[in-house]
């Protein structure tokens, strides 16, 4: 019985070690709508803010709409744009965020 417990523990430790670099992707299955954290948050936010010409980051997520990362930016006029980034934090597109009712759409910067 001790051997089975040790093997199960070793398997769990190995799974955590492998998943550690990917944000525990194995545990969650679908990472969509998971907020960014750490250096990914910083790099994605910086790239999106530069693309949008400034503003405030209001939401981030992993794997949004076919992109590796999605960052929503609110500009000074209140409009919100979602900037999509690839896995290298390069902008691959942006669209006005229409999920926020009552807000003015931002400019499209494809």
PDB file of N, CA and C in Angstrom:
ATOM      1  N   UNK A   1       0.817  -1.189   0.000  1.00  0.00           N
ATOM      2  CA  UNK A   1       0.000   0.000   0.000  1.00  0.00           C
ATOM      3  C   UNK A   1       0.861   1.253   0.000  1.00  0.00           C
ATOM      4  N   UNK A   2       1.974   1.241   0.746  1.00  0.00           N
ATOM      5  CA  UNK A   2       2.866   2.395   0.777  1.00  0.00           C
ATOM      6  C   UNK A   2       3.404   2.705  -0.619  1.00  0.00           C
ATOM      7  N   UNK A   3       3.676   1.676  -1.386  1.00  0.00           N
ATOM      8  CA  UNK A   3       4.213   1.881  -2.733  1.00  0.00           C
ATOM      9  C   UNK A   3       3.185   2.599  -3.615  1.00  0.00           C
ATOM     10  N   UNK A   4       1.918   2.235  -3.528  1.00  0.00           N
ATOM     11  CA  UNK A   4       0.880   2.887  -4.317  1.00  0.00           C
ATOM     12  C   UNK A   4       0.757   4.361  -3.946  1.00  0.00           C
ATOM     13  N   UNK A   5       0.840   4.665  -2.673  1.00  0.00           N
ATOM     14  CA  UNK A   5       0.751   6.056  -2.207  1.00  0.00           C
ATOM     15  C   UNK A   5       1.948   6.853  -2.728  1.00  0.00           C
ATOM     16  N   UNK A   6       3.139   6.249  -2.655  1.00  0.00           N
ATOM     17  CA  UNK A   6       4.333   6.932  -3.145  1.00  0.00           C
ATOM     18  C   UNK A   6       4.248   7.186  -4.646  1.00  0.00           C
ATOM     19  N   UNK A   7       3.766   6.213  -5.404  1.00  0.00           N
ATOM     20  CA  UNK A   7       3.633   6.385  -6.850  1.00  0.00           C
ATOM     21  C   UNK A   7       2.602   7.464  -7.186  1.00  0.00           C
ATOM     22  N   UNK A   8       1.502   7.478  -6.458  1.00  0.00           N
ATOM     23  CA  UNK A   8       0.481   8.501  -6.691  1.00  0.00           C
ATOM     24  C   UNK A   8       1.025   9.886  -6.365  1.00  0.00           C
ATOM     25  N   UNK A   9       1.758   9.995  -5.275  1.00  0.00           N
ATOM     26  CA  UNK A   9       2.343  11.284  -4.898  1.00  0.00           C
ATOM     27  C   UNK A   9       3.373  11.726  -5.922  1.00  0.00           C
ATOM     28  N   UNK A  10       4.203  10.815  -6.381  1.00  0.00           N
ATOM     29  CA  UNK A  10       5.211  11.155  -7.389  1.00  0.00           C
ATOM     30  C   UNK A  10       4.542  11.603  -8.681  1.00  0.00           C
ATOM     31  N   UNK A  11       3.471  10.948  -9.064  1.00  0.00           N
ATOM     32  CA  UNK A  11       2.735  11.350 -10.263  1.00  0.00           C
ATOM     33  C   UNK A  11       2.132  12.733 -10.128  1.00  0.00           C
ATOM     34  N   UNK A  12       1.590  13.019  -8.962  1.00  0.00           N
ATOM     35  CA  UNK A  12       1.009  14.343  -8.723  1.00  0.00           C
ATOM     36  C   UNK A  12       2.074  15.420  -8.749  1.00  0.00           C
ATOM     37  N   UNK A  13       3.218  15.142  -8.147  1.00  0.00           N
ATOM     38  CA  UNK A  13       4.322  16.106  -8.132  1.00  0.00           C
ATOM     39  C   UNK A  13       4.823  16.342  -9.553  1.00  0.00           C
ATOM     40  N   UNK A  14       4.951  15.293 -10.338  1.00  0.00           N
ATOM     41  CA  UNK A  14       5.408  15.436 -11.723  1.00  0.00           C
ATOM     42  C   UNK A  14       4.409  16.259 -12.538  1.00  0.00           C
ATOM     43  N   UNK A  15       3.129  16.024 -12.345  1.00  0.00           N
ATOM     44  CA  UNK A  15       2.111  16.779 -13.079  1.00  0.00           C
ATOM     45  C   UNK A  15       2.163  18.256 -12.733  1.00  0.00           C
ATOM     46  N   UNK A  16       2.356  18.565 -11.470  1.00  0.00           N
ATOM     47  CA  UNK A  16       2.453  19.967 -11.044  1.00  0.00           C
ATOM     48  C   UNK A  16       3.712  20.593 -11.615  1.00  0.00           C
ATOM     49  N   UNK A  17       4.815  19.867 -11.618  1.00  0.00           N
ATOM     50  CA  UNK A  17       6.067  20.403 -12.151  1.00  0.00           C
ATOM     51  C   UNK A  17       5.942  20.693 -13.639  1.00  0.00           C
ATOM     52  N   UNK A  18       5.324  19.795 -14.385  1.00  0.00           N
ATOM     53  CA  UNK A  18       5.145  19.996 -15.825  1.00  0.00           C
ATOM     54  C   UNK A  18       4.196  21.150 -16.082  1.00  0.00           C
ATOM     55  N   UNK A  19       3.119  21.224 -15.336  1.00  0.00           N
ATOM     56  CA  UNK A  19       2.116  22.266 -15.554  1.00  0.00           C
ATOM     57  C   UNK A  19       2.539  23.608 -14.995  1.00  0.00           C
ATOM     58  N   UNK A  20       3.499  23.639 -14.115  1.00  0.00           N
ATOM     59  CA  UNK A  20       3.909  24.893 -13.481  1.00  0.00           C
ATOM     60  C   UNK A  20       4.264  25.987 -14.464  1.00  0.00           C
ATOM     61  N   UNK A  21       4.944  25.666 -15.542  1.00  0.00           N
ATOM     62  CA  UNK A  21       5.333  26.662 -16.523  1.00  0.00           C
ATOM     63  C   UNK A  21       4.193  27.112 -17.407  1.00  0.00           C
ATOM     64  N   UNK A  22       3.092  26.400 -17.397  1.00  0.00           N
ATOM     65  CA  UNK A  22       1.966  26.760 -18.252  1.00  0.00           C
ATOM     66  C   UNK A  22       0.775  27.217 -17.441  1.00  0.00           C
ATOM     67  N   UNK A  23       0.989  27.576 -16.206  1.00  0.00           N
ATOM     68  CA  UNK A  23      -0.111  28.083 -15.385  1.00  0.00           C
ATOM     69  C   UNK A  23      -1.117  27.006 -15.032  1.00  0.00           C
ATOM     70  N   UNK A  24      -0.649  25.791 -14.832  1.00  0.00           N
ATOM     71  CA  UNK A  24      -1.509  24.666 -14.491  1.00  0.00           C
ATOM     72  C   UNK A  24      -2.556  24.399 -15.553  1.00  0.00           C
ATOM     73  N   UNK A  25      -2.146  24.443 -16.789  1.00  0.00           N
ATOM     74  CA  UNK A  25      -3.064  24.209 -17.899  1.00  0.00           C
ATOM     75  C   UNK A  25      -3.664  22.814 -17.832  1.00  0.00           C
ATOM     76  N   UNK A  26      -2.929  21.845 -17.296  1.00  0.00           N
ATOM     77  CA  UNK A  26      -3.449  20.492 -17.228  1.00  0.00           C
ATOM     78  C   UNK A  26      -4.638  20.384 -16.289  1.00  0.00           C
ATOM     79  N   UNK A  27      -4.636  21.134 -15.232  1.00  0.00           N
ATOM     80  CA  UNK A  27      -5.701  21.041 -14.239  1.00  0.00           C
ATOM     81  C   UNK A  27      -6.991  21.667 -14.731  1.00  0.00           C
ATOM     82  N   UNK A  28      -6.896  22.760 -15.478  1.00  0.00           N
ATOM     83  CA  UNK A  28      -8.084  23.492 -15.862  1.00  0.00           C
ATOM     84  C   UNK A  28      -8.683  23.064 -17.180  1.00  0.00           C
ATOM     85  N   UNK A  29      -7.904  22.481 -18.076  1.00  0.00           N
ATOM     86  CA  UNK A  29      -8.416  22.122 -19.377  1.00  0.00           C
ATOM     87  C   UNK A  29      -8.582  23.337 -20.262  1.00  0.00           C
ATOM     88  N   UNK A  30      -9.637  24.109 -20.080  1.00  0.00           N
ATOM     89  CA  UNK A  30      -9.913  25.294 -20.878  1.00  0.00           C
ATOM     90  C   UNK A  30      -9.503  26.537 -20.102  1.00  0.00           C
ATOM     91  N   UNK A  31      -8.467  27.241 -20.616  1.00  0.00           N
ATOM     92  CA  UNK A  31      -7.934  28.404 -19.911  1.00  0.00           C
ATOM     93  C   UNK A  31      -8.652  29.701 -20.269  1.00  0.00           C
ATOM     94  N   UNK A  32      -9.585  29.672 -21.215  1.00  0.00           N
ATOM     95  CA  UNK A  32     -10.259  30.902 -21.633  1.00  0.00           C
ATOM     96  C   UNK A  32     -10.878  31.592 -20.424  1.00  0.00           C
ATOM     97  N   UNK A  33     -10.808  32.896 -20.428  1.00  0.00           N
ATOM     98  CA  UNK A  33     -11.349  33.740 -19.366  1.00  0.00           C
ATOM     99  C   UNK A  33     -10.541  33.714 -18.079  1.00  0.00           C
ATOM    100  N   UNK A  34      -9.385  33.061 -18.080  1.00  0.00           N
ATOM    101  CA  UNK A  34      -8.516  33.077 -16.910  1.00  0.00           C
ATOM    102  C   UNK A  34      -7.666  34.340 -16.990  1.00  0.00           C
ATOM    103  N   UNK A  35      -7.660  35.181 -15.953  1.00  0.00           N
ATOM    104  CA  UNK A  35      -6.867  36.408 -15.995  1.00  0.00           C
ATOM    105  C   UNK A  35      -5.371  36.121 -16.058  1.00  0.00           C
ATOM    106  N   UNK A  36      -4.642  37.029 -16.664  1.00  0.00           N
ATOM    107  CA  UNK A  36      -3.193  36.916 -16.723  1.00  0.00           C
ATOM    108  C   UNK A  36      -2.591  37.268 -15.376  1.00  0.00           C
ATOM    109  N   UNK A  37      -1.386  36.772 -15.137  1.00  0.00           N
ATOM    110  CA  UNK A  37      -0.670  37.067 -13.896  1.00  0.00           C
ATOM    111  C   UNK A  37       0.821  37.123 -14.182  1.00  0.00           C
ATOM    112  N   UNK A  38       1.563  37.684 -13.261  1.00  0.00           N
ATOM    113  CA  UNK A  38       3.014  37.699 -13.338  1.00  0.00           C
ATOM    114  C   UNK A  38       3.557  38.438 -14.545  1.00  0.00           C
ATOM    115  N   UNK A  39       4.631  37.886 -15.120  1.00  0.00           N
ATOM    116  CA  UNK A  39       5.281  38.555 -16.244  1.00  0.00           C
ATOM    117  C   UNK A  39       4.392  38.579 -17.478  1.00  0.00           C
ATOM    118  N   UNK A  40       3.527  37.582 -17.648  1.00  0.00           N
ATOM    119  CA  UNK A  40       2.608  37.597 -18.794  1.00  0.00           C
ATOM    120  C   UNK A  40       1.657  38.780 -18.699  1.00  0.00           C
ATOM    121  N   UNK A  41       1.179  39.073 -17.504  1.00  0.00           N
ATOM    122  CA  UNK A  41       0.306  40.226 -17.292  1.00  0.00           C
ATOM    123  C   UNK A  41       1.035  41.522 -17.649  1.00  0.00           C
ATOM    124  N   UNK A  42       2.247  41.652 -17.170  1.00  0.00           N
ATOM    125  CA  UNK A  42       3.030  42.865 -17.420  1.00  0.00           C
ATOM    126  C   UNK A  42       3.337  43.037 -18.909  1.00  0.00           C
ATOM    127  N   UNK A  43       3.798  41.976 -19.560  1.00  0.00           N
ATOM    128  CA  UNK A  43       4.166  42.069 -20.976  1.00  0.00           C
ATOM    129  C   UNK A  43       2.960  42.330 -21.862  1.00  0.00           C
ATOM    130  N   UNK A  44       1.861  41.622 -21.600  1.00  0.00           N
ATOM    131  CA  UNK A  44       0.652  41.820 -22.399  1.00  0.00           C
ATOM    132  C   UNK A  44       0.073  43.214 -22.186  1.00  0.00           C
ATOM    133  N   UNK A  45       0.055  43.676 -20.945  1.00  0.00           N
ATOM    134  CA  UNK A  45      -0.471  45.010 -20.644  1.00  0.00           C
ATOM    135  C   UNK A  45       0.356  46.090 -21.330  1.00  0.00           C
ATOM    136  N   UNK A  46       1.678  45.966 -21.248  1.00  0.00           N
ATOM    137  CA  UNK A  46       2.552  46.949 -21.878  1.00  0.00           C
ATOM    138  C   UNK A  46       2.327  47.009 -23.388  1.00  0.00           C
ATOM    139  N   UNK A  47       2.239  45.851 -24.034  1.00  0.00           N
ATOM    140  CA  UNK A  47       2.042  45.809 -25.482  1.00  0.00           C
ATOM    141  C   UNK A  47       0.680  46.385 -25.866  1.00  0.00           C
ATOM    142  N   UNK A  48      -0.352  46.046 -25.106  1.00  0.00           N
ATOM    143  CA  UNK A  48      -1.704  46.527 -25.417  1.00  0.00           C
ATOM    144  C   UNK A  48      -1.822  48.031 -25.188  1.00  0.00           C
ATOM    145  N   UNK A  49      -1.241  48.532 -24.104  1.00  0.00           N
ATOM    146  CA  UNK A  49      -1.285  49.974 -23.828  1.00  0.00           C
ATOM    147  C   UNK A  49      -0.536  50.764 -24.901  1.00  0.00           C
ATOM    148  N   UNK A  50       0.584  50.246 -25.359  1.00  0.00           N
ATOM    149  CA  UNK A  50       1.332  50.914 -26.423  1.00  0.00           C
ATOM    150  C   UNK A  50       0.497  50.952 -27.701  1.00  0.00           C
ATOM    151  N   UNK A  51      -0.126  49.835 -28.026  1.00  0.00           N
ATOM    152  CA  UNK A  51      -0.956  49.751 -29.233  1.00  0.00           C
ATOM    153  C   UNK A  51      -2.151  50.703 -29.160  1.00  0.00           C
ATOM    154  N   UNK A  52      -2.764  50.787 -28.005  1.00  0.00           N
ATOM    155  CA  UNK A  52      -3.963  51.616 -27.837  1.00  0.00           C
ATOM    156  C   UNK A  52      -3.632  53.093 -27.628  1.00  0.00           C
ATOM    157  N   UNK A  53      -2.371  53.410 -27.437  1.00  0.00           N
ATOM    158  CA  UNK A  53      -1.995  54.798 -27.198  1.00  0.00           C
ATOM    159  C   UNK A  53      -2.239  55.250 -25.775  1.00  0.00           C
ATOM    160  N   UNK A  54      -2.214  54.320 -24.837  1.00  0.00           N
ATOM    161  CA  UNK A  54      -2.425  54.641 -23.427  1.00  0.00           C
ATOM    162  C   UNK A  54      -3.797  54.232 -22.955  1.00  0.00           C
ATOM    163  N   UNK A  55      -4.069  54.505 -21.704  1.00  0.00           N
ATOM    164  CA  UNK A  55      -5.341  54.142 -21.094  1.00  0.00           C
ATOM    165  C   UNK A  55      -5.120  53.347 -19.829  1.00  0.00           C
ATOM    166  N   UNK A  56      -6.152  52.602 -19.448  1.00  0.00           N
ATOM    167  CA  UNK A  56      -6.119  51.798 -18.239  1.00  0.00           C
ATOM    168  C   UNK A  56      -6.528  50.372 -18.572  1.00  0.00           C
ATOM    169  N   UNK A  57      -5.756  49.400 -18.109  1.00  0.00           N
ATOM    170  CA  UNK A  57      -6.102  47.992 -18.299  1.00  0.00           C
ATOM    171  C   UNK A  57      -7.278  47.683 -17.382  1.00  0.00           C
ATOM    172  N   UNK A  58      -8.385  47.197 -17.958  1.00  0.00           N
ATOM    173  CA  UNK A  58      -9.553  46.882 -17.147  1.00  0.00           C
ATOM    174  C   UNK A  58      -9.808  45.382 -17.043  1.00  0.00           C
ATOM    175  N   UNK A  59      -9.219  44.600 -17.965  1.00  0.00           N
ATOM    176  CA  UNK A  59      -9.396  43.146 -17.899  1.00  0.00           C
ATOM    177  C   UNK A  59      -8.350  42.480 -18.770  1.00  0.00           C
ATOM    178  N   UNK A  60      -7.905  41.305 -18.338  1.00  0.00           N
ATOM    179  CA  UNK A  60      -6.993  40.487 -19.140  1.00  0.00           C
ATOM    180  C   UNK A  60      -7.500  39.061 -19.115  1.00  0.00           C
ATOM    181  N   UNK A  61      -7.156  38.319 -20.159  1.00  0.00           N
ATOM    182  CA  UNK A  61      -7.514  36.904 -20.160  1.00  0.00           C
ATOM    183  C   UNK A  61      -6.609  36.119 -21.084  1.00  0.00           C
ATOM    184  N   UNK A  62      -6.497  34.838 -20.782  1.00  0.00           N
ATOM    185  CA  UNK A  62      -5.693  33.913 -21.558  1.00  0.00           C
ATOM    186  C   UNK A  62      -6.564  33.312 -22.649  1.00  0.00           C
ATOM    187  N   UNK A  63      -6.008  33.187 -23.839  1.00  0.00           N
ATOM    188  CA  UNK A  63      -6.660  32.453 -24.914  1.00  0.00           C
ATOM    189  C   UNK A  63      -8.006  32.986 -25.312  1.00  0.00           C
ATOM    190  N   UNK A  64      -8.095  34.271 -25.620  1.00  0.00           N
ATOM    191  CA  UNK A  64      -9.380  34.883 -25.952  1.00  0.00           C
ATOM    192  C   UNK A  64      -9.544  35.043 -27.456  1.00  0.00           C
ATOM    193  N   UNK A  65     -10.649  34.574 -28.014  1.00  0.00           N
ATOM    194  CA  UNK A  65     -10.999  34.754 -29.429  1.00  0.00           C
ATOM    195  C   UNK A  65      -9.879  34.353 -30.379  1.00  0.00           C
ATOM    196  N   UNK A  66      -9.245  33.234 -30.142  1.00  0.00           N
ATOM    197  CA  UNK A  66      -8.202  32.739 -31.024  1.00  0.00           C
ATOM    198  C   UNK A  66      -6.838  33.355 -30.780  1.00  0.00           C
ATOM    199  N   UNK A  67      -6.738  34.286 -29.860  1.00  0.00           N
ATOM    200  CA  UNK A  67      -5.458  34.907 -29.519  1.00  0.00           C
ATOM    201  C   UNK A  67      -4.883  34.219 -28.285  1.00  0.00           C
ATOM    202  N   UNK A  68      -3.576  34.358 -28.091  1.00  0.00           N
ATOM    203  CA  UNK A  68      -2.962  33.804 -26.889  1.00  0.00           C
ATOM    204  C   UNK A  68      -3.362  34.603 -25.658  1.00  0.00           C
ATOM    205  N   UNK A  69      -3.494  35.940 -25.842  1.00  0.00           N
ATOM    206  CA  UNK A  69      -3.840  36.825 -24.732  1.00  0.00           C
ATOM    207  C   UNK A  69      -4.807  37.898 -25.209  1.00  0.00           C
ATOM    208  N   UNK A  70      -5.707  38.310 -24.335  1.00  0.00           N
ATOM    209  CA  UNK A  70      -6.600  39.429 -24.607  1.00  0.00           C
ATOM    210  C   UNK A  70      -6.490  40.445 -23.486  1.00  0.00           C
ATOM    211  N   UNK A  71      -6.394  41.740 -23.863  1.00  0.00           N
ATOM    212  CA  UNK A  71      -6.279  42.804 -22.873  1.00  0.00           C
ATOM    213  C   UNK A  71      -7.287  43.889 -23.232  1.00  0.00           C
ATOM    214  N   UNK A  72      -8.163  44.224 -22.288  1.00  0.00           N
ATOM    215  CA  UNK A  72      -9.117  45.311 -22.506  1.00  0.00           C
ATOM    216  C   UNK A  72      -8.554  46.594 -21.916  1.00  0.00           C
ATOM    217  N   UNK A  73      -8.590  47.648 -22.732  1.00  0.00           N
ATOM    218  CA  UNK A  73      -8.055  48.949 -22.351  1.00  0.00           C
ATOM    219  C   UNK A  73      -9.182  49.976 -22.390  1.00  0.00           C
ATOM    220  N   UNK A  74      -9.327  50.761 -21.309  1.00  0.00           N
ATOM    221  CA  UNK A  74     -10.276  51.872 -21.284  1.00  0.00           C
ATOM    222  C   UNK A  74      -9.485  53.147 -21.537  1.00  0.00           C
ATOM    223  N   UNK A  75      -9.892  53.896 -22.580  1.00  0.00           N
ATOM    224  CA  UNK A  75      -9.204  55.143 -22.904  1.00  0.00           C
ATOM    225  C   UNK A  75      -9.777  56.290 -22.074  1.00  0.00           C
ATOM    226  N   UNK A  76      -9.162  57.458 -22.178  1.00  0.00           N
ATOM    227  CA  UNK A  76      -9.572  58.626 -21.396  1.00  0.00           C
ATOM    228  C   UNK A  76     -11.010  59.032 -21.687  1.00  0.00           C
ATOM    229  N   UNK A  77     -11.493  58.756 -22.918  1.00  0.00           N
ATOM    230  CA  UNK A  77     -12.867  59.129 -23.255  1.00  0.00           C
ATOM    231  C   UNK A  77     -13.896  58.087 -22.812  1.00  0.00           C
ATOM    232  N   UNK A  78     -13.443  57.024 -22.153  1.00  0.00           N
ATOM    233  CA  UNK A  78     -14.348  55.991 -21.637  1.00  0.00           C
ATOM    234  C   UNK A  78     -14.569  54.824 -22.573  1.00  0.00           C
ATOM    235  N   UNK A  79     -14.104  54.924 -23.807  1.00  0.00           N
ATOM    236  CA  UNK A  79     -14.268  53.811 -24.735  1.00  0.00           C
ATOM    237  C   UNK A  79     -13.345  52.664 -24.327  1.00  0.00           C
ATOM    238  N   UNK A  80     -13.740  51.450 -24.693  1.00  0.00           N
ATOM    239  CA  UNK A  80     -12.963  50.265 -24.346  1.00  0.00           C
ATOM    240  C   UNK A  80     -12.639  49.512 -25.624  1.00  0.00           C
ATOM    241  N   UNK A  81     -11.388  49.122 -25.750  1.00  0.00           N
ATOM    242  CA  UNK A  81     -10.939  48.337 -26.891  1.00  0.00           C
ATOM    243  C   UNK A  81     -10.268  47.076 -26.363  1.00  0.00           C
ATOM    244  N   UNK A  82     -10.502  45.966 -27.045  1.00  0.00           N
ATOM    245  CA  UNK A  82      -9.829  44.726 -26.677  1.00  0.00           C
ATOM    246  C   UNK A  82      -8.699  44.498 -27.659  1.00  0.00           C
ATOM    247  N   UNK A  83      -7.490  44.358 -27.117  1.00  0.00           N
ATOM    248  CA  UNK A  83      -6.296  44.128 -27.925  1.00  0.00           C
ATOM    249  C   UNK A  83      -5.940  42.647 -27.812  1.00  0.00           C
ATOM    250  N   UNK A  84      -5.792  41.988 -28.970  1.00  0.00           N
ATOM    251  CA  UNK A  84      -5.448  40.575 -29.003  1.00  0.00           C
ATOM    252  C   UNK A  84      -3.972  40.420 -29.344  1.00  0.00           C
ATOM    253  N   UNK A  85      -3.316  39.533 -28.606  1.00  0.00           N
ATOM    254  CA  UNK A  85      -1.875  39.321 -28.749  1.00  0.00           C
ATOM    255  C   UNK A  85      -1.579  37.855 -29.011  1.00  0.00           C
ATOM    256  N   UNK A  86      -0.481  37.611 -29.738  1.00  0.00           N
ATOM    257  CA  UNK A  86      -0.057  36.226 -29.936  1.00  0.00           C
ATOM    258  C   UNK A  86       0.818  35.785 -28.769  1.00  0.00           C
ATOM    259  N   UNK A  87       1.355  34.578 -28.858  1.00  0.00           N
ATOM    260  CA  UNK A  87       2.137  34.032 -27.749  1.00  0.00           C
ATOM    261  C   UNK A  87       3.454  34.775 -27.521  1.00  0.00           C
ATOM    262  N   UNK A  88       3.874  35.611 -28.478  1.00  0.00           N
ATOM    263  CA  UNK A  88       5.092  36.420 -28.321  1.00  0.00           C
ATOM    264  C   UNK A  88       4.768  37.856 -27.906  1.00  0.00           C
ATOM    265  N   UNK A  89       3.507  38.091 -27.530  1.00  0.00           N
ATOM    266  CA  UNK A  89       3.019  39.403 -27.088  1.00  0.00           C
ATOM    267  C   UNK A  89       3.036  40.435 -28.209  1.00  0.00           C
ATOM    268  N   UNK A  90       2.877  39.952 -29.449  1.00  0.00           N
ATOM    269  CA  UNK A  90       2.750  40.830 -30.603  1.00  0.00           C
ATOM    270  C   UNK A  90       1.266  41.047 -30.864  1.00  0.00           C
ATOM    271  N   UNK A  91       0.873  42.283 -31.166  1.00  0.00           N
ATOM    272  CA  UNK A  91      -0.526  42.598 -31.429  1.00  0.00           C
ATOM    273  C   UNK A  91      -0.943  41.935 -32.737  1.00  0.00           C
ATOM    274  N   UNK A  92      -2.059  41.196 -32.688  1.00  0.00           N
ATOM    275  CA  UNK A  92      -2.587  40.567 -33.895  1.00  0.00           C
ATOM    276  C   UNK A  92      -3.943  41.152 -34.278  1.00  0.00           C
ATOM    277  N   UNK A  93      -4.432  42.101 -33.491  1.00  0.00           N
ATOM    278  CA  UNK A  93      -5.680  42.771 -33.810  1.00  0.00           C
ATOM    279  C   UNK A  93      -6.293  43.428 -32.593  1.00  0.00           C
ATOM    280  N   UNK A  94      -7.271  44.283 -32.869  1.00  0.00           N
ATOM    281  CA  UNK A  94      -8.010  44.909 -31.774  1.00  0.00           C
ATOM    282  C   UNK A  94      -9.397  45.266 -32.262  1.00  0.00           C
ATOM    283  N   UNK A  95     -10.337  45.253 -31.338  1.00  0.00           N
ATOM    284  CA  UNK A  95     -11.728  45.565 -31.665  1.00  0.00           C
ATOM    285  C   UNK A  95     -12.354  46.330 -30.513  1.00  0.00           C
ATOM    286  N   UNK A  96     -13.355  47.149 -30.826  1.00  0.00           N
ATOM    287  CA  UNK A  96     -14.099  47.784 -29.740  1.00  0.00           C
ATOM    288  C   UNK A  96     -14.735  46.695 -28.886  1.00  0.00           C
ATOM    289  N   UNK A  97     -14.766  46.897 -27.591  1.00  0.00           N
ATOM    290  CA  UNK A  97     -15.383  45.917 -26.700  1.00  0.00           C
ATOM    291  C   UNK A  97     -16.869  46.212 -26.618  1.00  0.00           C
ATOM    292  N   UNK A  98     -17.640  45.353 -27.228  1.00  0.00           N
ATOM    293  CA  UNK A  98     -19.089  45.540 -27.248  1.00  0.00           C
ATOM    294  C   UNK A  98     -19.775  44.794 -26.119  1.00  0.00           C
ATOM    295  N   UNK A  99     -18.998  44.145 -25.248  1.00  0.00           N
ATOM    296  CA  UNK A  99     -19.557  43.406 -24.112  1.00  0.00           C
ATOM    297  C   UNK A  99     -19.907  44.322 -22.953  1.00  0.00           C
ATOM    298  N   UNK A 100     -19.572  45.591 -23.048  1.00  0.00           N
ATOM    299  CA  UNK A 100     -19.809  46.532 -21.960  1.00  0.00           C
ATOM    300  C   UNK A 100     -20.940  47.472 -22.367  1.00  0.00           C
ATOM    301  N   UNK A 101     -22.185  47.142 -21.993  1.00  0.00           N
ATOM    302  CA  UNK A 101     -23.320  47.960 -22.404  1.00  0.00           C
ATOM    303  C   UNK A 101     -23.240  49.390 -21.883  1.00  0.00           C
ATOM    304  N   UNK A 102     -23.710  50.327 -22.715  1.00  0.00           N
ATOM    305  CA  UNK A 102     -23.769  51.713 -22.293  1.00  0.00           C
ATOM    306  C   UNK A 102     -22.480  52.480 -22.476  1.00  0.00           C
ATOM    307  N   UNK A 103     -21.447  51.849 -23.007  1.00  0.00           N
ATOM    308  CA  UNK A 103     -20.184  52.530 -23.213  1.00  0.00           C
ATOM    309  C   UNK A 103     -19.983  52.824 -24.685  1.00  0.00           C
ATOM    310  N   UNK A 104     -19.262  53.881 -24.968  1.00  0.00           N
ATOM    311  CA  UNK A 104     -18.952  54.261 -26.332  1.00  0.00           C
ATOM    312  C   UNK A 104     -17.870  53.347 -26.840  1.00  0.00           C
ATOM    313  N   UNK A 105     -18.019  52.813 -28.057  1.00  0.00           N
ATOM    314  CA  UNK A 105     -17.016  51.958 -28.633  1.00  0.00           C
ATOM    315  C   UNK A 105     -15.767  52.746 -28.992  1.00  0.00           C
ATOM    316  N   UNK A 106     -14.610  52.120 -28.810  1.00  0.00           N
ATOM    317  CA  UNK A 106     -13.340  52.751 -29.175  1.00  0.00           C
ATOM    318  C   UNK A 106     -13.060  52.564 -30.648  1.00  0.00           C
ATOM    319  N   UNK A 107     -12.058  53.234 -31.151  1.00  0.00           N
ATOM    320  CA  UNK A 107     -11.704  53.119 -32.566  1.00  0.00           C
ATOM    321  C   UNK A 107     -11.151  51.736 -32.863  1.00  0.00           C
ATOM    322  N   UNK A 108     -11.474  51.223 -34.018  1.00  0.00           N
ATOM    323  CA  UNK A 108     -10.882  49.963 -34.432  1.00  0.00           C
ATOM    324  C   UNK A 108      -9.486  50.231 -34.926  1.00  0.00           C
ATOM    325  N   UNK A 109      -8.578  49.450 -34.435  1.00  0.00           N
ATOM    326  CA  UNK A 109      -7.167  49.599 -34.859  1.00  0.00           C
ATOM    327  C   UNK A 109      -6.657  48.235 -35.256  1.00  0.00           C
ATOM    328  N   UNK A 110      -7.097  47.734 -36.393  1.00  0.00           N
ATOM    329  CA  UNK A 110      -6.785  46.397 -36.860  1.00  0.00           C
ATOM    330  C   UNK A 110      -5.388  46.207 -37.101  1.00  0.00           C
TER     331      UNK A 110
END
